C-alpha atoms as a PDB file:
ATOM      1  CA  UNK A   1      21.889  -0.873  12.581  1.00  0.00           C
ATOM      2  CA  UNK A   2      22.667  -3.698  15.002  1.00  0.00           C
ATOM      3  CA  UNK A   3      19.875  -6.250  15.104  1.00  0.00           C
ATOM      4  CA  UNK A   4      18.128  -5.052  11.963  1.00  0.00           C
ATOM      5  CA  UNK A   5      17.983  -7.364   8.941  1.00  0.00           C
ATOM      6  CA  UNK A   6      17.042  -5.928   5.568  1.00  0.00           C
ATOM      7  CA  UNK A   7      14.753  -8.249   3.600  1.00  0.00           C
ATOM      8  CA  UNK A   8      12.990  -7.315   0.344  1.00  0.00           C
ATOM      9  CA  UNK A   9       9.257  -7.892  -0.029  1.00  0.00           C
ATOM     10  CA  UNK A  10       6.137  -7.465  -2.118  1.00  0.00           C
ATOM     11  CA  UNK A  11       4.858  -4.080  -0.898  1.00  0.00           C
ATOM     12  CA  UNK A  12       6.772  -1.183   0.609  1.00  0.00           C
ATOM     13  CA  UNK A  13       4.444  -0.680   3.585  1.00  0.00           C
ATOM     14  CA  UNK A  14       3.841  -4.274   4.623  1.00  0.00           C
ATOM     15  CA  UNK A  15       7.444  -5.346   3.942  1.00  0.00           C
ATOM     16  CA  UNK A  16       8.760  -2.454   6.020  1.00  0.00           C
ATOM     17  CA  UNK A  17       6.426  -3.487   8.846  1.00  0.00           C
ATOM     18  CA  UNK A  18       7.604  -7.097   8.468  1.00  0.00           C
ATOM     19  CA  UNK A  19      11.219  -5.948   8.835  1.00  0.00           C
ATOM     20  CA  UNK A  20      10.296  -3.963  11.942  1.00  0.00           C
ATOM     21  CA  UNK A  21       8.485  -7.052  13.231  1.00  0.00           C
ATOM     22  CA  UNK A  22      11.678  -9.068  12.847  1.00  0.00           C
ATOM     23  CA  UNK A  23      13.713  -6.368  14.599  1.00  0.00           C
ATOM     24  CA  UNK A  24      11.299  -6.283  17.552  1.00  0.00           C
ATOM     25  CA  UNK A  25      10.723 -10.077  17.590  1.00  0.00           C
ATOM     26  CA  UNK A  26       6.971  -9.858  16.941  1.00  0.00           C
ATOM     27  CA  UNK A  27       7.073 -12.734  14.478  1.00  0.00           C
ATOM     28  CA  UNK A  28       4.732 -11.484  11.721  1.00  0.00           C
ATOM     29  CA  UNK A  29       5.246 -12.240   8.036  1.00  0.00           C
ATOM     30  CA  UNK A  30       4.370  -9.723   5.323  1.00  0.00           C
ATOM     31  CA  UNK A  31       0.743 -10.804   4.645  1.00  0.00           C
ATOM     32  CA  UNK A  32       0.106 -10.713   8.404  1.00  0.00           C
ATOM     33  CA  UNK A  33       1.444  -7.158   8.578  1.00  0.00           C
ATOM     34  CA  UNK A  34      -0.688  -6.101   5.620  1.00  0.00           C
ATOM     35  CA  UNK A  35      -3.813  -7.628   7.117  1.00  0.00           C
ATOM     36  CA  UNK A  36      -3.207  -6.393  10.665  1.00  0.00           C
ATOM     37  CA  UNK A  37      -2.892  -2.934   9.151  1.00  0.00           C
ATOM     38  CA  UNK A  38      -6.242  -3.422   7.368  1.00  0.00           C
ATOM     39  CA  UNK A  39      -4.349  -2.337   4.284  1.00  0.00           C
ATOM     40  CA  UNK A  40      -6.857  -3.407   1.663  1.00  0.00           C
ATOM     41  CA  UNK A  41      -8.742  -0.564  -0.026  1.00  0.00           C
ATOM     42  CA  UNK A  42      -9.423   0.992  -3.368  1.00  0.00           C
ATOM     43  CA  UNK A  43      -9.081   4.474  -4.736  1.00  0.00           C
ATOM     44  CA  UNK A  44      -9.961   6.050  -8.051  1.00  0.00           C
ATOM     45  CA  UNK A  45      -8.282   9.424  -8.179  1.00  0.00           C
ATOM     46  CA  UNK A  46      -7.830  12.369 -10.526  1.00  0.00           C
ATOM     47  CA  UNK A  47      -4.476  13.329  -9.034  1.00  0.00           C
ATOM     48  CA  UNK A  48      -1.277  11.488  -9.916  1.00  0.00           C
ATOM     49  CA  UNK A  49       1.030  10.982 -12.900  1.00  0.00           C
ATOM     50  CA  UNK A  50      -1.919  10.125 -15.182  1.00  0.00           C
ATOM     51  CA  UNK A  51      -5.330  11.728 -15.733  1.00  0.00           C
ATOM     52  CA  UNK A  52      -6.943   8.945 -13.691  1.00  0.00           C
ATOM     53  CA  UNK A  53      -5.210   6.647 -11.230  1.00  0.00           C
ATOM     54  CA  UNK A  54      -6.220   3.592  -9.224  1.00  0.00           C
ATOM     55  CA  UNK A  55      -4.679   2.145  -6.071  1.00  0.00           C
ATOM     56  CA  UNK A  56      -5.647  -0.996  -4.164  1.00  0.00           C
ATOM     57  CA  UNK A  57      -4.527  -0.133  -0.631  1.00  0.00           C
ATOM     58  CA  UNK A  58      -5.614   2.589   1.760  1.00  0.00           C
ATOM     59  CA  UNK A  59      -3.744   5.423   3.410  1.00  0.00           C
ATOM     60  CA  UNK A  60      -3.603   4.137   6.992  1.00  0.00           C
ATOM     61  CA  UNK A  61      -1.949   0.717   6.696  1.00  0.00           C
ATOM     62  CA  UNK A  62       1.164   1.591   8.696  1.00  0.00           C
ATOM     63  CA  UNK A  63      -0.351   3.458  11.678  1.00  0.00           C
ATOM     64  CA  UNK A  64      -3.344   1.080  11.775  1.00  0.00           C
ATOM     65  CA  UNK A  65      -0.985  -1.892  12.193  1.00  0.00           C
ATOM     66  CA  UNK A  66       0.261  -0.433  15.465  1.00  0.00           C
ATOM     67  CA  UNK A  67      -3.194   0.685  16.575  1.00  0.00           C
ATOM     68  CA  UNK A  68      -4.673  -2.803  16.192  1.00  0.00           C
ATOM     69  CA  UNK A  69      -1.780  -4.351  18.105  1.00  0.00           C
ATOM     70  CA  UNK A  70      -1.972  -1.736  20.882  1.00  0.00           C
ATOM     71  CA  UNK A  71       1.615  -0.585  20.313  1.00  0.00           C
ATOM     72  CA  UNK A  72       2.442   3.055  21.177  1.00  0.00           C
ATOM     73  CA  UNK A  73       4.180   5.016  18.443  1.00  0.00           C
ATOM     74  CA  UNK A  74       5.147   8.581  17.647  1.00  0.00           C
ATOM     75  CA  UNK A  75       3.819   9.683  14.259  1.00  0.00           C
ATOM     76  CA  UNK A  76       4.771  13.144  13.000  1.00  0.00           C
ATOM     77  CA  UNK A  77       4.722  15.293   9.891  1.00  0.00           C
ATOM     78  CA  UNK A  78       4.905  18.976   9.095  1.00  0.00           C
ATOM     79  CA  UNK A  79       7.928  19.661  11.279  1.00  0.00           C
ATOM     80  CA  UNK A  80      10.439  22.304  10.160  1.00  0.00           C
ATOM     81  CA  UNK A  81      13.519  20.863   8.507  1.00  0.00           C
ATOM     82  CA  UNK A  82      15.877  21.052  11.502  1.00  0.00           C
ATOM     83  CA  UNK A  83      13.269  19.692  13.926  1.00  0.00           C
ATOM     84  CA  UNK A  84      12.462  16.741  11.646  1.00  0.00           C
ATOM     85  CA  UNK A  85      16.100  15.848  11.103  1.00  0.00           C
ATOM     86  CA  UNK A  86      16.903  16.177  14.813  1.00  0.00           C
ATOM     87  CA  UNK A  87      13.940  13.946  15.646  1.00  0.00           C
ATOM     88  CA  UNK A  88      15.040  11.343  13.111  1.00  0.00           C
ATOM     89  CA  UNK A  89      18.590  11.318  14.474  1.00  0.00           C
ATOM     90  CA  UNK A  90      17.335  10.982  18.054  1.00  0.00           C
ATOM     91  CA  UNK A  91      14.883   8.169  17.284  1.00  0.00           C
ATOM     92  CA  UNK A  92      17.547   6.198  15.420  1.00  0.00           C
ATOM     93  CA  UNK A  93      19.427   5.874  18.702  1.00  0.00           C
ATOM     94  CA  UNK A  94      16.745   3.435  19.903  1.00  0.00           C
ATOM     95  CA  UNK A  95      15.599   1.738  16.711  1.00  0.00           C
ATOM     96  CA  UNK A  96      14.701   1.988  13.015  1.00  0.00           C
ATOM     97  CA  UNK A  97      12.238   4.631  11.819  1.00  0.00           C
ATOM     98  CA  UNK A  98       9.554   4.431   9.127  1.00  0.00           C
ATOM     99  CA  UNK A  99       9.672   7.350   6.684  1.00  0.00           C
ATOM    100  CA  UNK A 100       7.377   8.202   3.784  1.00  0.00           C
ATOM    101  CA  UNK A 101       8.995   9.487   0.609  1.00  0.00           C
ATOM    102  CA  UNK A 102       8.592  10.198  -3.107  1.00  0.00           C
ATOM    103  CA  UNK A 103      10.692   7.608  -4.929  1.00  0.00           C
ATOM    104  CA  UNK A 104      11.276  10.030  -7.843  1.00  0.00           C
ATOM    105  CA  UNK A 105      14.013  11.745  -5.795  1.00  0.00           C
ATOM    106  CA  UNK A 106      15.797   8.536  -4.766  1.00  0.00           C
ATOM    107  CA  UNK A 107      18.573   8.069  -7.332  1.00  0.00           C
ATOM    108  CA  UNK A 108      18.727   4.287  -6.995  1.00  0.00           C
ATOM    109  CA  UNK A 109      15.214   4.051  -8.510  1.00  0.00           C
ATOM    110  CA  UNK A 110      16.119   5.984 -11.647  1.00  0.00           C
ATOM    111  CA  UNK A 111      12.426   6.879 -12.011  1.00  0.00           C
ATOM    112  CA  UNK A 112      11.012   9.714 -14.085  1.00  0.00           C
ATOM    113  CA  UNK A 113       7.602   9.369 -12.360  1.00  0.00           C
ATOM    114  CA  UNK A 114       6.669  10.887  -9.015  1.00  0.00           C
ATOM    115  CA  UNK A 115       5.177   8.279  -6.682  1.00  0.00           C
ATOM    116  CA  UNK A 116       4.505   8.723  -3.000  1.00  0.00           C
ATOM    117  CA  UNK A 117       4.092   8.002  -0.242  1.00  0.00           C
ATOM    118  CA  UNK A 118       6.590   5.188  -0.665  1.00  0.00           C
ATOM    119  CA  UNK A 119       7.370   3.606   2.717  1.00  0.00           C
ATOM    120  CA  UNK A 120      10.982   2.923   3.713  1.00  0.00           C
ATOM    121  CA  UNK A 121      12.820   2.136   6.930  1.00  0.00           C
ATOM    122  CA  UNK A 122      15.685   4.432   7.864  1.00  0.00           C
ATOM    123  CA  UNK A 123      18.322   2.455   9.753  1.00  0.00           C
ATOM    124  CA  UNK A 124      21.201   4.901  10.007  1.00  0.00           C
ATOM    125  CA  UNK A 125      22.627   8.294   9.150  1.00  0.00           C
ATOM    126  CA  UNK A 126      25.818  10.262   9.419  1.00  0.00           C
ATOM    127  CA  UNK A 127      26.806  13.827   8.629  1.00  0.00           C
ATOM    128  CA  UNK A 128      26.362  13.329   4.888  1.00  0.00           C
ATOM    129  CA  UNK A 129      24.272  10.218   4.176  1.00  0.00           C
ATOM    130  CA  UNK A 130      21.137   8.261   5.114  1.00  0.00           C
ATOM    131  CA  UNK A 131      20.915   4.460   5.014  1.00  0.00           C
ATOM    132  CA  UNK A 132      17.574   3.151   3.754  1.00  0.00           C
ATOM    133  CA  UNK A 133      16.009  -0.293   3.964  1.00  0.00           C
ATOM    134  CA  UNK A 134      13.824  -0.232   0.847  1.00  0.00           C
ATOM    135  CA  UNK A 135      11.802  -3.398   0.220  1.00  0.00           C
ATOM    136  CA  UNK A 136      12.130  -3.006  -3.558  1.00  0.00           C
ATOM    137  CA  UNK A 137      15.862  -3.772  -3.479  1.00  0.00           C
ATOM    138  CA  UNK A 138      17.934  -6.737  -2.295  1.00  0.00           C
ATOM    139  CA  UNK A 139      20.419  -4.612  -0.337  1.00  0.00           C
ATOM    140  CA  UNK A 140      20.144  -1.444   1.803  1.00  0.00           C
ATOM    141  CA  UNK A 141      20.600   1.801  -0.109  1.00  0.00           C
ATOM    142  CA  UNK A 142      22.636   4.874   0.820  1.00  0.00           C
ATOM    143  CA  UNK A 143      21.657   8.362  -0.354  1.00  0.00           C
ATOM    144  CA  UNK A 144      22.831  11.838   0.511  1.00  0.00           C
ATOM    145  CA  UNK A 145      20.931  13.893   3.061  1.00  0.00           C
ATOM    146  CA  UNK A 146      20.002  16.314   0.277  1.00  0.00           C
ATOM    147  CA  UNK A 147      18.530  13.509  -1.835  1.00  0.00           C
ATOM    148  CA  UNK A 148      16.649  12.042   1.102  1.00  0.00           C
ATOM    149  CA  UNK A 149      15.246  15.386   2.182  1.00  0.00           C
ATOM    150  CA  UNK A 150      13.936  16.086  -1.335  1.00  0.00           C
ATOM    151  CA  UNK A 151      12.134  12.712  -1.288  1.00  0.00           C
ATOM    152  CA  UNK A 152      10.928  13.173   2.311  1.00  0.00           C
ATOM    153  CA  UNK A 153       9.406  16.623   1.789  1.00  0.00           C
ATOM    154  CA  UNK A 154       8.071  16.184  -1.746  1.00  0.00           C
ATOM    155  CA  UNK A 155       4.922  18.044  -2.747  1.00  0.00           C
ATOM    156  CA  UNK A 156       3.962  15.236  -5.118  1.00  0.00           C
ATOM    157  CA  UNK A 157       1.968  12.083  -4.500  1.00  0.00           C
ATOM    158  CA  UNK A 158      -1.272  11.984  -2.560  1.00  0.00           C
ATOM    159  CA  UNK A 159      -0.696  15.325  -0.868  1.00  0.00           C
ATOM    160  CA  UNK A 160       2.555  16.802   0.492  1.00  0.00           C
ATOM    161  CA  UNK A 161       4.700  14.303   2.388  1.00  0.00           C
ATOM    162  CA  UNK A 162       5.831  16.941   4.919  1.00  0.00           C
ATOM    163  CA  UNK A 163       8.772  14.905   6.288  1.00  0.00           C
ATOM    164  CA  UNK A 164       6.405  12.301   7.748  1.00  0.00           C
ATOM    165  CA  UNK A 165       7.898   9.651  10.047  1.00  0.00           C
ATOM    166  CA  UNK A 166       6.741   6.980  12.507  1.00  0.00           C
ATOM    167  CA  UNK A 167       8.730   5.331  15.283  1.00  0.00           C
ATOM    168  CA  UNK A 168       7.867   2.702  17.898  1.00  0.00           C
ATOM    169  CA  UNK A 169       7.832   4.037  21.464  1.00  0.00           C
ATOM    170  CA  UNK A 170       7.506   0.689  23.269  1.00  0.00           C
ATOM    171  CA  UNK A 171       7.802  -2.691  21.556  1.00  0.00           C
ATOM    172  CA  UNK A 172       6.730  -4.668  24.622  1.00  0.00           C
ATOM    173  CA  UNK A 173       3.210  -5.946  25.187  1.00  0.00           C
ATOM    174  CA  UNK A 174       1.166  -6.737  22.068  1.00  0.00           C
ATOM    175  CA  UNK A 175      -2.581  -7.101  22.076  1.00  0.00           C
ATOM    176  CA  UNK A 176      -3.772 -10.691  21.660  1.00  0.00           C
ATOM    177  CA  UNK A 177      -3.175 -11.473  17.984  1.00  0.00           C
ATOM    178  CA  UNK A 178      -6.640 -13.035  17.553  1.00  0.00           C
ATOM    179  CA  UNK A 179      -8.265  -9.853  18.896  1.00  0.00           C
ATOM    180  CA  UNK A 180      -6.030  -7.633  16.772  1.00  0.00           C
ATOM    181  CA  UNK A 181      -6.897  -9.719  13.712  1.00  0.00           C
ATOM    182  CA  UNK A 182     -10.643  -9.405  14.240  1.00  0.00           C
ATOM    183  CA  UNK A 183     -10.315  -5.656  14.907  1.00  0.00           C
ATOM    184  CA  UNK A 184      -8.291  -5.288  11.699  1.00  0.00           C
ATOM    185  CA  UNK A 185     -10.813  -7.259   9.622  1.00  0.00           C
ATOM    186  CA  UNK A 186     -13.633  -5.144  11.074  1.00  0.00           C
ATOM    187  CA  UNK A 187     -11.751  -2.011  10.038  1.00  0.00           C
ATOM    188  CA  UNK A 188     -11.167  -3.404   6.543  1.00  0.00           C
ATOM    189  CA  UNK A 189     -14.856  -4.244   6.083  1.00  0.00           C
ATOM    190  CA  UNK A 190     -15.825  -0.707   7.101  1.00  0.00           C
ATOM    191  CA  UNK A 191     -13.366   0.796   4.627  1.00  0.00           C
ATOM    192  CA  UNK A 192     -14.520  -1.409   1.783  1.00  0.00           C
ATOM    193  CA  UNK A 193     -18.256  -1.055   2.448  1.00  0.00           C
ATOM    194  CA  UNK A 194     -18.511   2.518   3.748  1.00  0.00           C
ATOM    195  CA  UNK A 195     -15.362   4.228   2.468  1.00  0.00           C
ATOM    196  CA  UNK A 196     -12.764   6.225   4.347  1.00  0.00           C
ATOM    197  CA  UNK A 197     -10.762   9.397   3.992  1.00  0.00           C
ATOM    198  CA  UNK A 198      -7.439   9.617   2.219  1.00  0.00           C
ATOM    199  CA  UNK A 199      -6.060   7.837  -0.814  1.00  0.00           C
ATOM    200  CA  UNK A 200      -7.389   4.343  -1.411  1.00  0.00           C
ATOM    201  CA  UNK A 201     -10.405   4.970   0.830  1.00  0.00           C
ATOM    202  CA  UNK A 202     -13.095   4.624  -1.817  1.00  0.00           C
ATOM    203  CA  UNK A 203     -13.780   0.944  -1.167  1.00  0.00           C
ATOM    204  CA  UNK A 204     -16.369  -0.869  -3.260  1.00  0.00           C
ATOM    205  CA  UNK A 205     -17.882   2.443  -4.348  1.00  0.00           C
ATOM    206  CA  UNK A 206     -14.476   3.427  -5.703  1.00  0.00           C
ATOM    207  CA  UNK A 207     -14.262   0.234  -7.753  1.00  0.00           C
ATOM    208  CA  UNK A 208     -17.687   0.998  -9.208  1.00  0.00           C
ATOM    209  CA  UNK A 209     -16.674   4.573 -10.057  1.00  0.00           C
ATOM    210  CA  UNK A 210     -13.607   3.187 -11.845  1.00  0.00           C
ATOM    211  CA  UNK A 211     -15.746   0.625 -13.687  1.00  0.00           C
ATOM    212  CA  UNK A 212     -18.305   3.252 -14.704  1.00  0.00           C
ATOM    213  CA  UNK A 213     -15.729   5.567 -16.235  1.00  0.00           C
ATOM    214  CA  UNK A 214     -13.465   3.035 -17.955  1.00  0.00           C
ATOM    215  CA  UNK A 215     -15.302   3.266 -21.323  1.00  0.00           C
ATOM    216  CA  UNK A 216     -14.835   7.057 -21.208  1.00  0.00           C
ATOM    217  CA  UNK A 217     -11.042   6.767 -20.959  1.00  0.00           C
ATOM    218  CA  UNK A 218     -10.925   6.920 -24.755  1.00  0.00           C
ATOM    219  CA  UNK A 219     -11.466  10.690 -24.455  1.00  0.00           C
ATOM    220  CA  UNK A 220      -8.165  11.230 -22.595  1.00  0.00           C
ATOM    221  CA  UNK A 221      -5.005  12.024 -24.527  1.00  0.00           C
ATOM    222  CA  UNK A 222      -2.949   9.856 -22.165  1.00  0.00           C
ATOM    223  CA  UNK A 223      -5.319   6.875 -22.300  1.00  0.00           C
ATOM    224  CA  UNK A 224      -2.523   4.392 -23.056  1.00  0.00           C
ATOM    225  CA  UNK A 225      -0.401   5.649 -20.162  1.00  0.00           C
ATOM    226  CA  UNK A 226      -3.509   5.613 -17.913  1.00  0.00           C
ATOM    227  CA  UNK A 227      -4.152   1.971 -18.798  1.00  0.00           C
ATOM    228  CA  UNK A 228      -0.478   1.042 -18.389  1.00  0.00           C
ATOM    229  CA  UNK A 229      -0.239   2.742 -15.006  1.00  0.00           C
ATOM    230  CA  UNK A 230      -3.478   1.067 -13.874  1.00  0.00           C
ATOM    231  CA  UNK A 231      -2.037  -2.309 -14.901  1.00  0.00           C
ATOM    232  CA  UNK A 232       1.146  -1.522 -12.968  1.00  0.00           C
ATOM    233  CA  UNK A 233      -0.874  -0.541  -9.882  1.00  0.00           C
ATOM    234  CA  UNK A 234      -2.681  -3.873 -10.055  1.00  0.00           C
ATOM    235  CA  UNK A 235       0.215  -6.230 -10.800  1.00  0.00           C
ATOM    236  CA  UNK A 236       3.476  -4.380 -10.247  1.00  0.00           C
ATOM    237  CA  UNK A 237       4.574  -1.355  -8.195  1.00  0.00           C
ATOM    238  CA  UNK A 238       4.694  -3.339  -4.959  1.00  0.00           C
ATOM    239  CA  UNK A 239       1.144  -4.688  -4.865  1.00  0.00           C
ATOM    240  CA  UNK A 240       2.026  -8.330  -4.307  1.00  0.00           C
ATOM    241  CA  UNK A 241      -0.274  -9.164  -7.244  1.00  0.00           C
ATOM    242  CA  UNK A 242      -3.994  -8.832  -7.810  1.00  0.00           C
ATOM    243  CA  UNK A 243      -4.269  -5.221  -6.599  1.00  0.00           C
ATOM    244  CA  UNK A 244      -3.038  -6.173  -3.093  1.00  0.00           C
ATOM    245  CA  UNK A 245      -5.774  -8.834  -2.858  1.00  0.00           C
ATOM    246  CA  UNK A 246      -3.268 -11.695  -2.854  1.00  0.00           C
ATOM    247  CA  UNK A 247      -1.566 -10.320   0.270  1.00  0.00           C
ATOM    248  CA  UNK A 248      -4.947  -9.949   1.949  1.00  0.00           C
ATOM    249  CA  UNK A 249      -6.014 -13.467   0.926  1.00  0.00           C
ATOM    250  CA  UNK A 250      -2.860 -14.920   2.506  1.00  0.00           C
ATOM    251  CA  UNK A 251      -3.642 -13.011   5.716  1.00  0.00           C
ATOM    252  CA  UNK A 252      -7.185 -14.404   5.782  1.00  0.00           C
ATOM    253  CA  UNK A 253      -5.773 -17.903   5.191  1.00  0.00           C
ATOM    254  CA  UNK A 254      -3.485 -17.684   8.214  1.00  0.00           C
ATOM    255  CA  UNK A 255      -4.269 -15.175  10.963  1.00  0.00           C
ATOM    256  CA  UNK A 256      -7.881 -14.908   9.834  1.00  0.00           C
ATOM    257  CA  UNK A 257      -8.404 -18.649  10.210  1.00  0.00           C
ATOM    258  CA  UNK A 258      -6.514 -18.615  13.541  1.00  0.00           C
ATOM    259  CA  UNK A 259      -8.961 -15.948  14.745  1.00  0.00           C
ATOM    260  CA  UNK A 260     -11.936 -18.163  13.936  1.00  0.00           C
ATOM    261  CA  UNK A 261     -12.913 -16.935  10.478  1.00  0.00           C
ATOM    262  CA  UNK A 262     -14.120 -19.551   8.012  1.00  0.00           C
ATOM    263  CA  UNK A 263     -11.348 -20.585   5.551  1.00  0.00           C
ATOM    264  CA  UNK A 264     -13.755 -19.884   2.683  1.00  0.00           C
ATOM    265  CA  UNK A 265     -13.066 -16.167   3.095  1.00  0.00           C
ATOM    266  CA  UNK A 266      -9.420 -16.619   2.150  1.00  0.00           C
ATOM    267  CA  UNK A 267     -10.392 -18.914  -0.708  1.00  0.00           C
ATOM    268  CA  UNK A 268     -12.830 -16.348  -2.082  1.00  0.00           C
ATOM    269  CA  UNK A 269     -10.284 -13.548  -1.806  1.00  0.00           C
ATOM    270  CA  UNK A 270      -7.722 -15.656  -3.688  1.00  0.00           C
ATOM    271  CA  UNK A 271     -10.181 -16.037  -6.565  1.00  0.00           C
ATOM    272  CA  UNK A 272     -10.883 -12.295  -6.504  1.00  0.00           C
ATOM    273  CA  UNK A 273      -7.133 -11.589  -6.581  1.00  0.00           C
ATOM    274  CA  UNK A 274      -6.755 -13.867  -9.597  1.00  0.00           C
ATOM    275  CA  UNK A 275      -9.463 -11.948 -11.455  1.00  0.00           C
ATOM    276  CA  UNK A 276      -7.836  -8.606 -10.624  1.00  0.00           C
ATOM    277  CA  UNK A 277      -4.745 -10.033 -12.312  1.00  0.00           C
ATOM    278  CA  UNK A 278      -6.852 -10.832 -15.382  1.00  0.00           C
ATOM    279  CA  UNK A 279      -8.225  -7.263 -15.364  1.00  0.00           C
ATOM    280  CA  UNK A 280      -4.680  -5.953 -15.139  1.00  0.00           C
ATOM    281  CA  UNK A 281      -3.738  -7.889 -18.253  1.00  0.00           C
ATOM    282  CA  UNK A 282      -6.772  -6.469 -20.055  1.00  0.00           C
ATOM    283  CA  UNK A 283      -5.598  -2.955 -19.200  1.00  0.00           C
ATOM    284  CA  UNK A 284      -2.051  -3.775 -20.264  1.00  0.00           C
ATOM    285  CA  UNK A 285      -3.469  -4.818 -23.657  1.00  0.00           C
ATOM    286  CA  UNK A 286      -5.300  -1.461 -23.863  1.00  0.00           C
ATOM    287  CA  UNK A 287      -1.975   0.285 -23.334  1.00  0.00           C
ATOM    288  CA  UNK A 288      -0.315  -1.649 -26.131  1.00  0.00           C
ATOM    289  CA  UNK A 289      -2.792  -1.118 -28.971  1.00  0.00           C
ATOM    290  CA  UNK A 290      -2.869   1.902 -31.255  1.00  0.00           C
ATOM    291  CA  UNK A 291      -6.172   0.824 -32.801  1.00  0.00           C
ATOM    292  CA  UNK A 292      -8.848   3.109 -31.350  1.00  0.00           C
ATOM    293  CA  UNK A 293     -11.725   0.716 -31.996  1.00  0.00           C
ATOM    294  CA  UNK A 294      -9.884  -2.176 -30.374  1.00  0.00           C
ATOM    295  CA  UNK A 295      -8.987   0.058 -27.434  1.00  0.00           C
ATOM    296  CA  UNK A 296     -12.622   1.097 -26.948  1.00  0.00           C
ATOM    297  CA  UNK A 297     -13.769  -2.506 -27.043  1.00  0.00           C
ATOM    298  CA  UNK A 298     -11.183  -3.631 -24.531  1.00  0.00           C
ATOM    299  CA  UNK A 299     -12.086  -0.774 -22.163  1.00  0.00           C
ATOM    300  CA  UNK A 300     -15.742  -1.759 -22.381  1.00  0.00           C
ATOM    301  CA  UNK A 301     -14.844  -5.355 -21.509  1.00  0.00           C
ATOM    302  CA  UNK A 302     -12.632  -4.149 -18.647  1.00  0.00           C
ATOM    303  CA  UNK A 303     -15.533  -2.083 -17.330  1.00  0.00           C
ATOM    304  CA  UNK A 304     -17.781  -5.150 -17.145  1.00  0.00           C
ATOM    305  CA  UNK A 305     -15.009  -7.096 -15.431  1.00  0.00           C
ATOM    306  CA  UNK A 306     -14.455  -4.336 -12.848  1.00  0.00           C
ATOM    307  CA  UNK A 307     -18.192  -4.137 -12.105  1.00  0.00           C
ATOM    308  CA  UNK A 308     -18.248  -7.886 -11.458  1.00  0.00           C
ATOM    309  CA  UNK A 309     -15.276  -7.544  -9.093  1.00  0.00           C
ATOM    310  CA  UNK A 310     -17.047  -4.758  -7.207  1.00  0.00           C
ATOM    311  CA  UNK A 311     -20.093  -6.989  -6.721  1.00  0.00           C
ATOM    312  CA  UNK A 312     -17.979  -9.902  -5.484  1.00  0.00           C
ATOM    313  CA  UNK A 313     -15.984  -7.763  -3.069  1.00  0.00           C
ATOM    314  CA  UNK A 314     -19.133  -6.185  -1.694  1.00  0.00           C
ATOM    315  CA  UNK A 315     -20.620  -9.636  -1.083  1.00  0.00           C
ATOM    316  CA  UNK A 316     -17.456 -10.933   0.560  1.00  0.00           C
ATOM    317  CA  UNK A 317     -17.088  -8.006   2.942  1.00  0.00           C
ATOM    318  CA  UNK A 318     -20.795  -8.033   3.798  1.00  0.00           C
ATOM    319  CA  UNK A 319     -20.414 -11.717   4.673  1.00  0.00           C
ATOM    320  CA  UNK A 320     -17.345 -10.913   6.792  1.00  0.00           C
ATOM    321  CA  UNK A 321     -19.198  -8.119   8.585  1.00  0.00           C
ATOM    322  CA  UNK A 322     -22.010 -10.530   9.401  1.00  0.00           C
ATOM    323  CA  UNK A 323     -19.708 -12.897  11.345  1.00  0.00           C
ATOM    324  CA  UNK A 324     -17.584 -10.363  13.205  1.00  0.00           C
END
């Protein structure tokens, strides 16, 4: 697509938004996009590829980014096949389109695990193929329409994907960035302190539920895969490190400070991100031991660590709420 530059990134959602920002000349880097979308969250879920699953972002990052900036978009799902494909083709005439897919069906991933929604930018299509800007890869990817449709309509992930797409209606006037930043931080504090609907909406209470149950993971037959997947969802799988907290810390350092927030908030979030990384390594070690006693001990230690993180995040977001 003319004017669109594919650039890889840390997280599928925020990197896709960053690439749209470049296309529309908004000038936001990836941490800014993550923070303006109030993407930070936490979920502890029973659905997924393992018996228990954690995730450190919430469900509304992408639409919330546009809401906070006052940008009109069209956001659809649940359309019949022909209507969805016709809409995608029409919207591509005026710009790139965000789509939400299950990466299991994208052959360039070579994955045997369902994972969605995974956010990509569609930049072109013809009679047989779809061109995808996927932040996980250094170059755009091309798949068949059949492959893309399977990923786009998957029943797996956090609920059916239902051929969900989002396109910008008018890329003109943005809200004042300082105002959008403060609105986004307010939204993030509410999610973390009060919870929200959808995946990753459990906030601090979700971290505590995860911490409470960690010692009981020994009862699950897939405990090693649970621990490995939890580690991956903290440090790998497009989190940017530290369960998405590093991305959010960088946002607080930059746009947060520009909007008048004390720099100590970014500093505190950086330290929290570092300790999420430590917790991830503890869970990785759980996944690698076959000794049941050692595994139980490590899960107990991880539980204490997660409880401490919940306390620190609650304090940080209460302090943020007090100054907004």
